[in-house]
C-alpha cells in the first residue's frame, strides 16, 4: 500500500506572503511589523475563532485602519507554487498517492485554491480553521490519523518547521523537513515513495 502524503502548505508547497509582501504592503520591516500586530489574532484566525472581518479589524494592536480590500488583493496575488513543487506533487499524484493538506491556515486557504488549484493533487482535508487545532499540538496529528483510519507508519508528513516534524514523529508518522524540492525528492526516493 502506498503511504498517504500529508502536506504542510505555507512555506512547503506555497510561497507565504507573511514575510515579504505583507511587510512591503505596510512599508514596515518584518520585525517591526511583528511588534505592531495584535497578539493572538492570527492564531485565533487560523483556528477559525475569528472571521476575516474580525481579524482584519484587529490586525494591529493599536487599532489603526488600512485598506482591507487592497491588502487581501496583495496577499492573494502573492500565492505561488514554490519552485519545483507543483511538478513534484503532480508526479506523486500520477503515481497513485493519496494526499491531503495538513496546514495551519485560516479561510484564506480558499484564495490559494482559487489561484493554484491545489486540490488537483491533494484534498484540503486538515486545515486548522476547519479542524480547530494547530500543529504541533499532538491533538492535530491524532485527529488526522483518526479521520483517515490509519496508523502513523502509513503516512509521510512534509513540513518546513522542525517543531511540526518532531510532533509528527512523536505520533509515529514518518516526517520529512522541507528544505526545497530537490532535497525533498531525494528524501522521498530514500523513503521508497518515488
N, C-alpha and C. Protein backbone atom coordinates (compact mmCIF):
# COMPACT_ATOMS: atom_id res chain seq x y z
N UNK A 1 0.84 -1.20 0.00
CA UNK A 1 0.00 0.00 0.00
C UNK A 1 0.88 1.25 0.00
N UNK A 2 0.55 2.21 -0.85
CA UNK A 2 1.34 3.44 -0.93
C UNK A 2 1.05 4.31 0.29
N UNK A 3 2.08 4.93 0.85
CA UNK A 3 1.82 5.81 2.00
C UNK A 3 0.99 7.03 1.61
N UNK A 4 0.17 7.47 2.55
CA UNK A 4 -0.58 8.72 2.38
C UNK A 4 0.39 9.87 2.64
N UNK A 5 0.38 10.87 1.78
CA UNK A 5 1.28 12.01 1.95
C UNK A 5 0.48 13.18 2.52
N UNK A 6 0.95 13.71 3.64
CA UNK A 6 0.34 14.85 4.32
C UNK A 6 1.24 16.06 4.10
N UNK A 7 0.67 17.10 3.52
CA UNK A 7 1.45 18.28 3.17
C UNK A 7 1.15 19.47 4.06
N UNK A 8 2.17 20.02 4.68
CA UNK A 8 2.08 21.41 5.11
C UNK A 8 1.95 22.22 3.82
N UNK A 9 1.36 23.40 3.91
CA UNK A 9 1.16 24.19 2.69
C UNK A 9 2.09 25.40 2.63
N UNK A 10 1.96 26.29 3.62
CA UNK A 10 2.73 27.53 3.56
C UNK A 10 4.21 27.27 3.85
N UNK A 11 5.05 27.71 2.93
CA UNK A 11 6.49 27.51 3.09
C UNK A 11 6.94 26.12 2.69
N UNK A 12 6.00 25.28 2.24
CA UNK A 12 6.32 23.93 1.79
C UNK A 12 5.85 23.73 0.36
N UNK A 13 4.58 23.98 0.12
CA UNK A 13 4.05 23.95 -1.25
C UNK A 13 3.96 25.34 -1.84
N UNK A 14 3.57 26.30 -1.01
CA UNK A 14 3.17 27.62 -1.49
C UNK A 14 3.98 28.72 -0.79
N UNK A 15 4.34 29.72 -1.57
CA UNK A 15 5.03 30.90 -1.03
C UNK A 15 4.14 31.60 -0.01
N UNK A 16 4.72 31.94 1.15
CA UNK A 16 3.99 32.59 2.24
C UNK A 16 4.22 34.11 2.17
N UNK A 17 3.16 34.89 1.93
CA UNK A 17 3.33 36.35 1.80
C UNK A 17 3.61 37.06 3.11
N UNK A 18 3.57 36.35 4.23
CA UNK A 18 3.75 36.97 5.54
C UNK A 18 5.11 37.65 5.69
N UNK A 19 6.13 37.06 5.08
CA UNK A 19 7.49 37.53 5.32
C UNK A 19 7.97 38.61 4.36
N UNK A 20 7.34 38.71 3.19
CA UNK A 20 7.80 39.69 2.20
C UNK A 20 6.69 40.67 1.82
N UNK A 21 5.62 40.15 1.25
CA UNK A 21 4.59 41.03 0.71
C UNK A 21 3.83 41.81 1.78
N UNK A 22 3.56 41.19 2.92
CA UNK A 22 2.84 41.91 3.97
C UNK A 22 3.67 43.07 4.54
N UNK A 23 4.92 42.84 4.92
CA UNK A 23 5.72 43.99 5.39
C UNK A 23 5.85 45.07 4.33
N UNK A 24 6.00 44.66 3.07
CA UNK A 24 6.12 45.64 1.98
C UNK A 24 4.83 46.45 1.84
N UNK A 25 3.69 45.79 1.98
CA UNK A 25 2.40 46.48 1.87
C UNK A 25 2.30 47.60 2.90
N UNK A 26 2.75 47.33 4.12
CA UNK A 26 2.65 48.31 5.19
C UNK A 26 3.89 49.21 5.28
N UNK A 27 4.85 48.98 4.39
CA UNK A 27 6.10 49.75 4.38
C UNK A 27 6.78 49.71 5.75
N UNK A 28 6.83 48.46 6.28
CA UNK A 28 7.47 48.23 7.58
C UNK A 28 8.44 47.06 7.46
N UNK A 29 9.61 47.15 8.11
CA UNK A 29 10.47 45.95 8.17
C UNK A 29 9.72 44.84 8.90
N UNK A 30 10.03 43.60 8.54
CA UNK A 30 9.30 42.46 9.08
C UNK A 30 9.27 42.46 10.61
N UNK A 31 10.42 42.66 11.25
CA UNK A 31 10.47 42.61 12.72
C UNK A 31 9.61 43.71 13.34
N UNK A 32 9.58 44.87 12.70
CA UNK A 32 8.76 45.96 13.23
C UNK A 32 7.28 45.65 13.04
N UNK A 33 6.93 45.07 11.89
CA UNK A 33 5.53 44.67 11.67
C UNK A 33 5.09 43.69 12.75
N UNK A 34 5.94 42.72 13.05
CA UNK A 34 5.60 41.74 14.09
C UNK A 34 5.25 42.42 15.41
N UNK A 35 6.01 43.45 15.76
CA UNK A 35 5.80 44.13 17.05
C UNK A 35 4.49 44.92 17.08
N UNK A 36 3.92 45.23 15.92
CA UNK A 36 2.71 46.05 15.87
C UNK A 36 1.42 45.22 15.83
N UNK A 37 1.55 43.90 15.61
CA UNK A 37 0.36 43.07 15.43
C UNK A 37 -0.38 42.80 16.74
N UNK A 38 -1.67 42.59 16.62
CA UNK A 38 -2.49 42.25 17.78
C UNK A 38 -2.13 40.84 18.26
N UNK A 39 -1.64 40.70 19.48
CA UNK A 39 -1.26 39.36 19.97
C UNK A 39 -2.45 38.39 19.93
N UNK A 40 -2.19 37.21 19.39
CA UNK A 40 -3.20 36.17 19.39
C UNK A 40 -4.20 36.23 18.25
N UNK A 41 -4.26 37.35 17.52
CA UNK A 41 -5.28 37.49 16.48
C UNK A 41 -5.07 36.48 15.35
N UNK A 42 -3.82 36.30 14.93
CA UNK A 42 -3.55 35.38 13.82
C UNK A 42 -3.87 33.94 14.21
N UNK A 43 -3.47 33.54 15.40
CA UNK A 43 -3.74 32.17 15.85
C UNK A 43 -5.25 31.94 15.93
N UNK A 44 -5.99 32.90 16.46
CA UNK A 44 -7.44 32.77 16.51
C UNK A 44 -8.03 32.65 15.10
N UNK A 45 -7.50 33.42 14.17
CA UNK A 45 -7.96 33.37 12.78
C UNK A 45 -7.66 32.00 12.18
N UNK A 46 -6.47 31.48 12.44
CA UNK A 46 -6.11 30.15 11.93
C UNK A 46 -6.99 29.05 12.53
N UNK A 47 -7.43 29.25 13.75
CA UNK A 47 -8.25 28.24 14.41
C UNK A 47 -9.74 28.41 14.11
N UNK A 48 -10.08 29.40 13.29
CA UNK A 48 -11.47 29.63 12.94
C UNK A 48 -12.27 30.31 14.03
N UNK A 49 -11.58 30.92 14.99
CA UNK A 49 -12.26 31.59 16.10
C UNK A 49 -12.59 33.05 15.78
N UNK A 50 -12.00 33.58 14.71
CA UNK A 50 -12.30 34.93 14.26
C UNK A 50 -12.63 34.87 12.78
N UNK A 51 -13.60 35.66 12.37
CA UNK A 51 -13.90 35.80 10.95
C UNK A 51 -12.81 36.66 10.31
N UNK A 52 -12.79 36.66 8.99
CA UNK A 52 -11.84 37.51 8.29
C UNK A 52 -12.05 38.97 8.66
N UNK A 53 -13.29 39.40 8.72
CA UNK A 53 -13.60 40.79 9.08
C UNK A 53 -13.07 41.12 10.48
N UNK A 54 -13.30 40.22 11.43
CA UNK A 54 -12.82 40.44 12.79
C UNK A 54 -11.30 40.48 12.84
N UNK A 55 -10.67 39.57 12.10
CA UNK A 55 -9.22 39.53 12.09
C UNK A 55 -8.63 40.82 11.53
N UNK A 56 -9.15 41.28 10.39
CA UNK A 56 -8.62 42.49 9.77
C UNK A 56 -8.87 43.71 10.64
N UNK A 57 -10.00 43.75 11.32
CA UNK A 57 -10.29 44.87 12.22
C UNK A 57 -9.34 44.89 13.41
N UNK A 58 -8.88 43.70 13.82
CA UNK A 58 -7.98 43.58 14.98
C UNK A 58 -6.53 43.32 14.57
N UNK A 59 -6.20 43.56 13.33
CA UNK A 59 -4.88 43.21 12.81
C UNK A 59 -3.76 43.89 13.62
N UNK A 60 -3.91 45.19 13.84
CA UNK A 60 -2.90 45.95 14.59
C UNK A 60 -3.33 46.14 16.04
N UNK A 61 -2.37 46.04 16.94
CA UNK A 61 -2.66 46.20 18.37
C UNK A 61 -3.21 47.59 18.68
N UNK A 62 -2.78 48.59 17.90
CA UNK A 62 -3.24 49.96 18.17
C UNK A 62 -4.53 50.30 17.43
N UNK A 63 -5.10 49.33 16.71
CA UNK A 63 -6.38 49.54 16.04
C UNK A 63 -6.34 50.39 14.80
N UNK A 64 -5.16 50.69 14.27
CA UNK A 64 -5.07 51.54 13.08
C UNK A 64 -5.81 50.90 11.90
N UNK A 65 -6.30 51.74 11.03
CA UNK A 65 -7.07 51.28 9.88
C UNK A 65 -6.14 51.15 8.67
N UNK A 66 -6.57 50.33 7.71
CA UNK A 66 -5.85 50.20 6.44
C UNK A 66 -6.85 49.68 5.42
N UNK A 67 -6.46 49.69 4.17
CA UNK A 67 -7.33 49.28 3.07
C UNK A 67 -7.40 47.76 3.03
N UNK A 68 -8.45 47.20 3.59
CA UNK A 68 -8.57 45.74 3.68
C UNK A 68 -8.65 45.10 2.30
N UNK A 69 -9.38 45.69 1.39
CA UNK A 69 -9.51 45.13 0.05
C UNK A 69 -8.19 45.06 -0.68
N UNK A 70 -7.44 46.14 -0.61
CA UNK A 70 -6.13 46.16 -1.29
C UNK A 70 -5.16 45.19 -0.63
N UNK A 71 -5.26 45.07 0.69
CA UNK A 71 -4.42 44.12 1.41
C UNK A 71 -4.71 42.68 0.96
N UNK A 72 -5.98 42.31 0.92
CA UNK A 72 -6.35 40.96 0.50
C UNK A 72 -5.94 40.68 -0.94
N UNK A 73 -6.04 41.70 -1.79
CA UNK A 73 -5.59 41.55 -3.18
C UNK A 73 -4.09 41.26 -3.22
N UNK A 74 -3.33 41.96 -2.39
CA UNK A 74 -1.88 41.76 -2.33
C UNK A 74 -1.55 40.35 -1.86
N UNK A 75 -2.23 39.90 -0.81
CA UNK A 75 -2.00 38.55 -0.29
C UNK A 75 -2.32 37.51 -1.35
N UNK A 76 -3.49 37.63 -1.96
CA UNK A 76 -3.92 36.64 -2.95
C UNK A 76 -2.92 36.56 -4.11
N UNK A 77 -2.47 37.71 -4.59
CA UNK A 77 -1.57 37.72 -5.74
C UNK A 77 -0.17 37.20 -5.41
N UNK A 78 0.14 37.11 -4.12
CA UNK A 78 1.46 36.62 -3.72
C UNK A 78 1.54 35.10 -3.71
N UNK A 79 0.40 34.43 -3.64
CA UNK A 79 0.42 32.97 -3.57
C UNK A 79 0.95 32.39 -4.89
N UNK A 80 1.94 31.54 -4.76
CA UNK A 80 2.50 30.84 -5.92
C UNK A 80 3.16 29.56 -5.43
N UNK A 81 3.22 28.58 -6.34
CA UNK A 81 3.92 27.34 -6.01
C UNK A 81 5.38 27.65 -5.74
N UNK A 82 5.96 27.01 -4.75
CA UNK A 82 7.40 27.11 -4.55
C UNK A 82 8.10 26.34 -5.68
N UNK A 83 9.31 26.74 -6.02
CA UNK A 83 10.00 26.14 -7.17
C UNK A 83 10.04 24.62 -7.11
N UNK A 84 9.59 24.01 -8.19
CA UNK A 84 9.65 22.56 -8.34
C UNK A 84 8.55 21.79 -7.66
N UNK A 85 7.72 22.45 -6.84
CA UNK A 85 6.77 21.70 -6.03
C UNK A 85 5.52 21.27 -6.79
N UNK A 86 5.04 22.09 -7.69
CA UNK A 86 3.86 21.67 -8.45
C UNK A 86 4.17 20.40 -9.24
N UNK A 87 5.32 20.36 -9.87
CA UNK A 87 5.70 19.18 -10.67
C UNK A 87 5.89 17.96 -9.78
N UNK A 88 6.48 18.15 -8.60
CA UNK A 88 6.71 17.01 -7.71
C UNK A 88 5.40 16.45 -7.17
N UNK A 89 4.50 17.33 -6.78
CA UNK A 89 3.20 16.89 -6.27
C UNK A 89 2.41 16.21 -7.39
N UNK A 90 2.49 16.75 -8.60
CA UNK A 90 1.80 16.14 -9.74
C UNK A 90 2.35 14.73 -10.01
N UNK A 91 3.65 14.57 -9.86
CA UNK A 91 4.28 13.26 -10.07
C UNK A 91 3.79 12.24 -9.04
N UNK A 92 3.71 12.67 -7.78
CA UNK A 92 3.21 11.78 -6.74
C UNK A 92 1.74 11.42 -6.97
N UNK A 93 0.97 12.39 -7.39
CA UNK A 93 -0.44 12.14 -7.69
C UNK A 93 -0.59 11.15 -8.83
N UNK A 94 0.22 11.34 -9.87
CA UNK A 94 0.16 10.43 -11.02
C UNK A 94 0.58 9.02 -10.63
N UNK A 95 1.43 8.90 -9.61
CA UNK A 95 1.88 7.58 -9.14
C UNK A 95 0.85 6.92 -8.22
N UNK A 96 -0.25 7.62 -7.95
CA UNK A 96 -1.33 7.00 -7.18
C UNK A 96 -1.33 7.27 -5.70
N UNK A 97 -0.54 8.22 -5.25
CA UNK A 97 -0.52 8.55 -3.82
C UNK A 97 -1.74 9.38 -3.45
N UNK A 98 -2.39 9.01 -2.36
CA UNK A 98 -3.44 9.83 -1.77
C UNK A 98 -2.74 10.92 -0.97
N UNK A 99 -3.17 12.17 -1.16
CA UNK A 99 -2.50 13.28 -0.50
C UNK A 99 -3.52 14.24 0.11
N UNK A 100 -3.15 14.81 1.23
CA UNK A 100 -4.01 15.74 1.96
C UNK A 100 -3.19 16.94 2.43
N UNK A 101 -3.81 18.11 2.41
CA UNK A 101 -3.21 19.28 3.05
C UNK A 101 -3.42 19.16 4.55
N UNK A 102 -2.35 19.39 5.31
CA UNK A 102 -2.38 19.40 6.77
C UNK A 102 -1.71 20.70 7.18
N UNK A 103 -2.51 21.76 7.26
CA UNK A 103 -1.98 23.12 7.28
C UNK A 103 -2.53 23.95 8.42
N UNK A 104 -1.66 24.74 9.04
CA UNK A 104 -2.10 25.80 9.94
C UNK A 104 -2.42 27.00 9.06
N UNK A 105 -3.71 27.24 8.81
CA UNK A 105 -4.06 28.40 7.97
C UNK A 105 -5.53 28.75 8.16
N UNK A 106 -5.85 30.03 7.95
CA UNK A 106 -7.24 30.47 8.06
C UNK A 106 -8.02 30.19 6.76
N UNK A 107 -9.19 30.81 6.65
CA UNK A 107 -10.03 30.62 5.47
C UNK A 107 -9.36 31.11 4.19
N UNK A 108 -8.24 31.77 4.31
CA UNK A 108 -7.51 32.21 3.11
C UNK A 108 -7.01 31.02 2.28
N UNK A 109 -7.09 29.79 2.82
CA UNK A 109 -6.74 28.64 2.01
C UNK A 109 -7.60 28.60 0.74
N UNK A 110 -8.80 29.18 0.82
CA UNK A 110 -9.68 29.21 -0.35
C UNK A 110 -9.10 30.09 -1.44
N UNK A 111 -8.41 31.17 -1.07
CA UNK A 111 -7.75 32.01 -2.07
C UNK A 111 -6.61 31.25 -2.74
N UNK A 112 -5.90 30.46 -1.95
CA UNK A 112 -4.83 29.64 -2.53
C UNK A 112 -5.42 28.66 -3.53
N UNK A 113 -6.53 28.03 -3.16
CA UNK A 113 -7.18 27.07 -4.06
C UNK A 113 -7.64 27.74 -5.34
N UNK A 114 -8.25 28.91 -5.22
CA UNK A 114 -8.72 29.63 -6.41
C UNK A 114 -7.56 29.95 -7.34
N UNK A 115 -6.44 30.29 -6.76
CA UNK A 115 -5.29 30.72 -7.58
C UNK A 115 -4.48 29.55 -8.12
N UNK A 116 -4.29 28.49 -7.31
CA UNK A 116 -3.34 27.43 -7.68
C UNK A 116 -3.98 26.06 -7.90
N UNK A 117 -5.23 25.90 -7.52
CA UNK A 117 -5.93 24.61 -7.67
C UNK A 117 -5.13 23.44 -7.07
N UNK A 118 -4.75 23.61 -5.84
CA UNK A 118 -4.02 22.56 -5.12
C UNK A 118 -4.82 21.26 -5.09
N UNK A 119 -6.14 21.38 -5.08
CA UNK A 119 -7.00 20.19 -4.98
C UNK A 119 -6.93 19.29 -6.20
N UNK A 120 -6.25 19.71 -7.25
CA UNK A 120 -5.97 18.77 -8.37
C UNK A 120 -5.17 17.58 -7.86
N UNK A 121 -4.42 17.80 -6.79
CA UNK A 121 -3.49 16.79 -6.29
C UNK A 121 -3.79 16.34 -4.85
N UNK A 122 -4.18 17.28 -4.00
CA UNK A 122 -4.35 16.99 -2.57
C UNK A 122 -5.64 17.63 -2.07
N UNK A 123 -6.35 16.91 -1.24
CA UNK A 123 -7.58 17.44 -0.65
C UNK A 123 -7.22 18.40 0.49
N UNK A 124 -8.06 19.44 0.65
CA UNK A 124 -7.89 20.38 1.75
C UNK A 124 -8.57 19.80 3.00
N UNK A 125 -8.10 18.67 3.46
CA UNK A 125 -8.81 17.92 4.50
C UNK A 125 -8.55 18.42 5.91
N UNK A 126 -7.33 18.88 6.18
CA UNK A 126 -6.93 19.13 7.56
C UNK A 126 -6.32 20.53 7.71
N UNK A 127 -7.14 21.53 7.48
CA UNK A 127 -6.73 22.92 7.64
C UNK A 127 -7.18 23.36 9.02
N UNK A 128 -6.32 24.05 9.75
CA UNK A 128 -6.60 24.36 11.16
C UNK A 128 -7.92 25.10 11.35
N UNK A 129 -8.29 25.98 10.41
CA UNK A 129 -9.55 26.71 10.58
C UNK A 129 -10.76 25.79 10.47
N UNK A 130 -10.58 24.62 9.87
CA UNK A 130 -11.67 23.66 9.71
C UNK A 130 -11.71 22.65 10.86
N UNK A 131 -10.53 22.26 11.35
CA UNK A 131 -10.48 21.21 12.37
C UNK A 131 -10.32 21.76 13.79
N UNK A 132 -10.03 23.07 13.90
CA UNK A 132 -9.98 23.71 15.22
C UNK A 132 -8.78 23.40 16.07
N UNK A 133 -7.72 22.90 15.46
CA UNK A 133 -6.49 22.60 16.19
C UNK A 133 -5.31 22.82 15.26
N UNK A 134 -4.17 23.22 15.82
CA UNK A 134 -3.00 23.56 15.02
C UNK A 134 -1.83 22.66 15.36
N UNK A 135 -0.98 22.43 14.37
CA UNK A 135 0.31 21.81 14.62
C UNK A 135 1.15 22.78 15.45
N UNK A 136 1.99 22.36 16.34
CA UNK A 136 2.38 20.98 16.64
C UNK A 136 1.60 20.32 17.77
N UNK A 137 0.40 20.79 18.06
CA UNK A 137 -0.42 20.16 19.10
C UNK A 137 -0.61 18.68 18.75
N UNK A 138 -0.28 17.77 19.65
CA UNK A 138 -0.48 16.34 19.35
C UNK A 138 -1.90 16.00 18.93
N UNK A 139 -2.87 16.78 19.40
CA UNK A 139 -4.26 16.52 19.04
C UNK A 139 -4.50 16.68 17.54
N UNK A 140 -3.70 17.54 16.90
CA UNK A 140 -3.85 17.72 15.45
C UNK A 140 -3.48 16.45 14.70
N UNK A 141 -2.39 15.83 15.11
CA UNK A 141 -1.93 14.60 14.46
C UNK A 141 -2.87 13.44 14.77
N UNK A 142 -3.34 13.38 16.01
CA UNK A 142 -4.31 12.35 16.39
C UNK A 142 -5.57 12.47 15.54
N UNK A 143 -6.02 13.71 15.33
CA UNK A 143 -7.22 13.94 14.54
C UNK A 143 -7.04 13.42 13.11
N UNK A 144 -5.91 13.73 12.51
CA UNK A 144 -5.64 13.30 11.13
C UNK A 144 -5.66 11.78 11.03
N UNK A 145 -4.94 11.12 11.91
CA UNK A 145 -4.87 9.65 11.84
C UNK A 145 -6.24 9.02 12.09
N UNK A 146 -6.97 9.59 13.02
CA UNK A 146 -8.30 9.05 13.33
C UNK A 146 -9.24 9.22 12.14
N UNK A 147 -9.22 10.41 11.53
CA UNK A 147 -10.11 10.67 10.39
C UNK A 147 -9.76 9.80 9.18
N UNK A 148 -8.47 9.56 9.00
CA UNK A 148 -8.04 8.73 7.86
C UNK A 148 -8.17 7.24 8.16
N UNK A 149 -8.28 6.90 9.43
CA UNK A 149 -8.38 5.50 9.81
C UNK A 149 -7.11 4.71 9.56
N UNK A 150 -5.97 5.38 9.81
CA UNK A 150 -4.67 4.74 9.56
C UNK A 150 -3.77 4.93 10.77
N UNK A 151 -2.65 4.24 10.76
CA UNK A 151 -1.61 4.45 11.77
C UNK A 151 -0.55 5.37 11.19
N UNK A 152 0.28 5.90 12.08
CA UNK A 152 1.31 6.83 11.64
C UNK A 152 2.25 6.26 10.60
N UNK A 153 2.56 4.97 10.71
CA UNK A 153 3.53 4.40 9.77
C UNK A 153 2.96 4.20 8.37
N UNK A 154 1.70 4.56 8.19
CA UNK A 154 1.10 4.52 6.85
C UNK A 154 1.11 5.90 6.17
N UNK A 155 1.76 6.86 6.82
CA UNK A 155 1.77 8.24 6.32
C UNK A 155 3.18 8.80 6.21
N UNK A 156 3.32 9.77 5.34
CA UNK A 156 4.52 10.60 5.27
C UNK A 156 4.06 12.05 5.39
N UNK A 157 4.75 12.80 6.23
CA UNK A 157 4.38 14.18 6.50
C UNK A 157 5.55 15.08 6.09
N UNK A 158 5.24 16.15 5.34
CA UNK A 158 6.27 17.08 4.88
C UNK A 158 5.92 18.48 5.38
N UNK A 159 6.87 19.12 6.07
CA UNK A 159 6.65 20.44 6.66
C UNK A 159 8.00 21.14 6.77
N UNK A 160 7.99 22.46 6.66
CA UNK A 160 9.25 23.21 6.75
C UNK A 160 9.65 23.53 8.19
N UNK A 161 8.76 23.34 9.14
CA UNK A 161 9.06 23.70 10.53
C UNK A 161 9.50 22.48 11.33
N UNK A 162 10.68 22.56 11.94
CA UNK A 162 11.17 21.41 12.73
C UNK A 162 10.21 20.97 13.83
N UNK A 163 9.58 21.92 14.53
CA UNK A 163 8.70 21.54 15.64
C UNK A 163 7.51 20.72 15.15
N UNK A 164 7.02 21.02 13.95
CA UNK A 164 5.89 20.26 13.41
C UNK A 164 6.33 18.86 12.98
N UNK A 165 7.55 18.76 12.46
CA UNK A 165 8.09 17.45 12.08
C UNK A 165 8.35 16.60 13.31
N UNK A 166 8.87 17.22 14.37
CA UNK A 166 9.13 16.47 15.60
C UNK A 166 7.83 15.94 16.20
N UNK A 167 6.78 16.76 16.17
CA UNK A 167 5.49 16.32 16.71
C UNK A 167 4.91 15.19 15.86
N UNK A 168 5.11 15.25 14.55
CA UNK A 168 4.64 14.17 13.67
C UNK A 168 5.37 12.88 14.00
N UNK A 169 6.69 12.98 14.18
CA UNK A 169 7.48 11.79 14.52
C UNK A 169 7.03 11.20 15.86
N UNK A 170 6.69 12.07 16.81
CA UNK A 170 6.19 11.60 18.11
C UNK A 170 4.88 10.83 17.95
N UNK A 171 4.12 11.18 16.89
CA UNK A 171 2.85 10.49 16.62
C UNK A 171 3.06 9.23 15.77
N UNK A 172 4.33 8.91 15.49
CA UNK A 172 4.63 7.71 14.71
C UNK A 172 4.58 7.91 13.21
N UNK A 173 4.53 9.17 12.77
CA UNK A 173 4.45 9.49 11.35
C UNK A 173 5.86 9.76 10.82
N UNK A 174 6.17 9.20 9.65
CA UNK A 174 7.47 9.48 9.02
C UNK A 174 7.45 10.94 8.57
N UNK A 175 8.30 11.76 9.17
CA UNK A 175 8.32 13.19 8.88
C UNK A 175 9.56 13.57 8.10
N UNK A 176 9.37 14.45 7.12
CA UNK A 176 10.47 14.97 6.32
C UNK A 176 10.41 16.48 6.41
N UNK A 177 11.52 17.08 6.84
CA UNK A 177 11.56 18.54 6.87
C UNK A 177 11.83 19.06 5.47
N UNK A 178 10.99 19.99 5.04
CA UNK A 178 11.11 20.55 3.70
C UNK A 178 12.25 21.56 3.65
N UNK A 179 13.19 21.32 2.73
CA UNK A 179 14.31 22.25 2.52
C UNK A 179 14.52 22.47 1.03
N UNK A 180 13.43 22.44 0.27
CA UNK A 180 13.49 22.63 -1.17
C UNK A 180 13.09 21.37 -1.91
N UNK A 181 12.65 21.56 -3.16
CA UNK A 181 12.11 20.45 -3.94
C UNK A 181 13.16 19.38 -4.21
N UNK A 182 14.39 19.77 -4.51
CA UNK A 182 15.42 18.79 -4.85
C UNK A 182 15.75 17.90 -3.64
N UNK A 183 15.92 18.52 -2.49
CA UNK A 183 16.22 17.75 -1.27
C UNK A 183 15.03 16.86 -0.91
N UNK A 184 13.82 17.37 -1.11
CA UNK A 184 12.63 16.57 -0.81
C UNK A 184 12.55 15.36 -1.73
N UNK A 185 12.85 15.56 -2.99
CA UNK A 185 12.83 14.44 -3.95
C UNK A 185 13.81 13.35 -3.49
N UNK A 186 14.98 13.75 -3.05
CA UNK A 186 15.96 12.77 -2.56
C UNK A 186 15.43 12.02 -1.34
N UNK A 187 14.80 12.77 -0.42
CA UNK A 187 14.25 12.13 0.78
C UNK A 187 13.12 11.16 0.43
N UNK A 188 12.29 11.54 -0.51
CA UNK A 188 11.19 10.66 -0.94
C UNK A 188 11.73 9.43 -1.65
N UNK A 189 12.79 9.61 -2.42
CA UNK A 189 13.43 8.46 -3.05
C UNK A 189 13.99 7.50 -1.99
N UNK A 190 14.65 8.07 -0.99
CA UNK A 190 15.24 7.25 0.09
C UNK A 190 14.16 6.51 0.85
N UNK A 191 12.97 7.13 0.97
CA UNK A 191 11.87 6.51 1.70
C UNK A 191 11.08 5.52 0.83
N UNK A 192 11.47 5.41 -0.44
CA UNK A 192 10.80 4.48 -1.34
C UNK A 192 9.48 4.98 -1.87
N UNK A 193 9.26 6.28 -1.77
CA UNK A 193 7.98 6.85 -2.21
C UNK A 193 8.01 7.14 -3.70
N UNK A 194 9.13 7.61 -4.20
CA UNK A 194 9.30 7.88 -5.63
C UNK A 194 10.12 6.78 -6.28
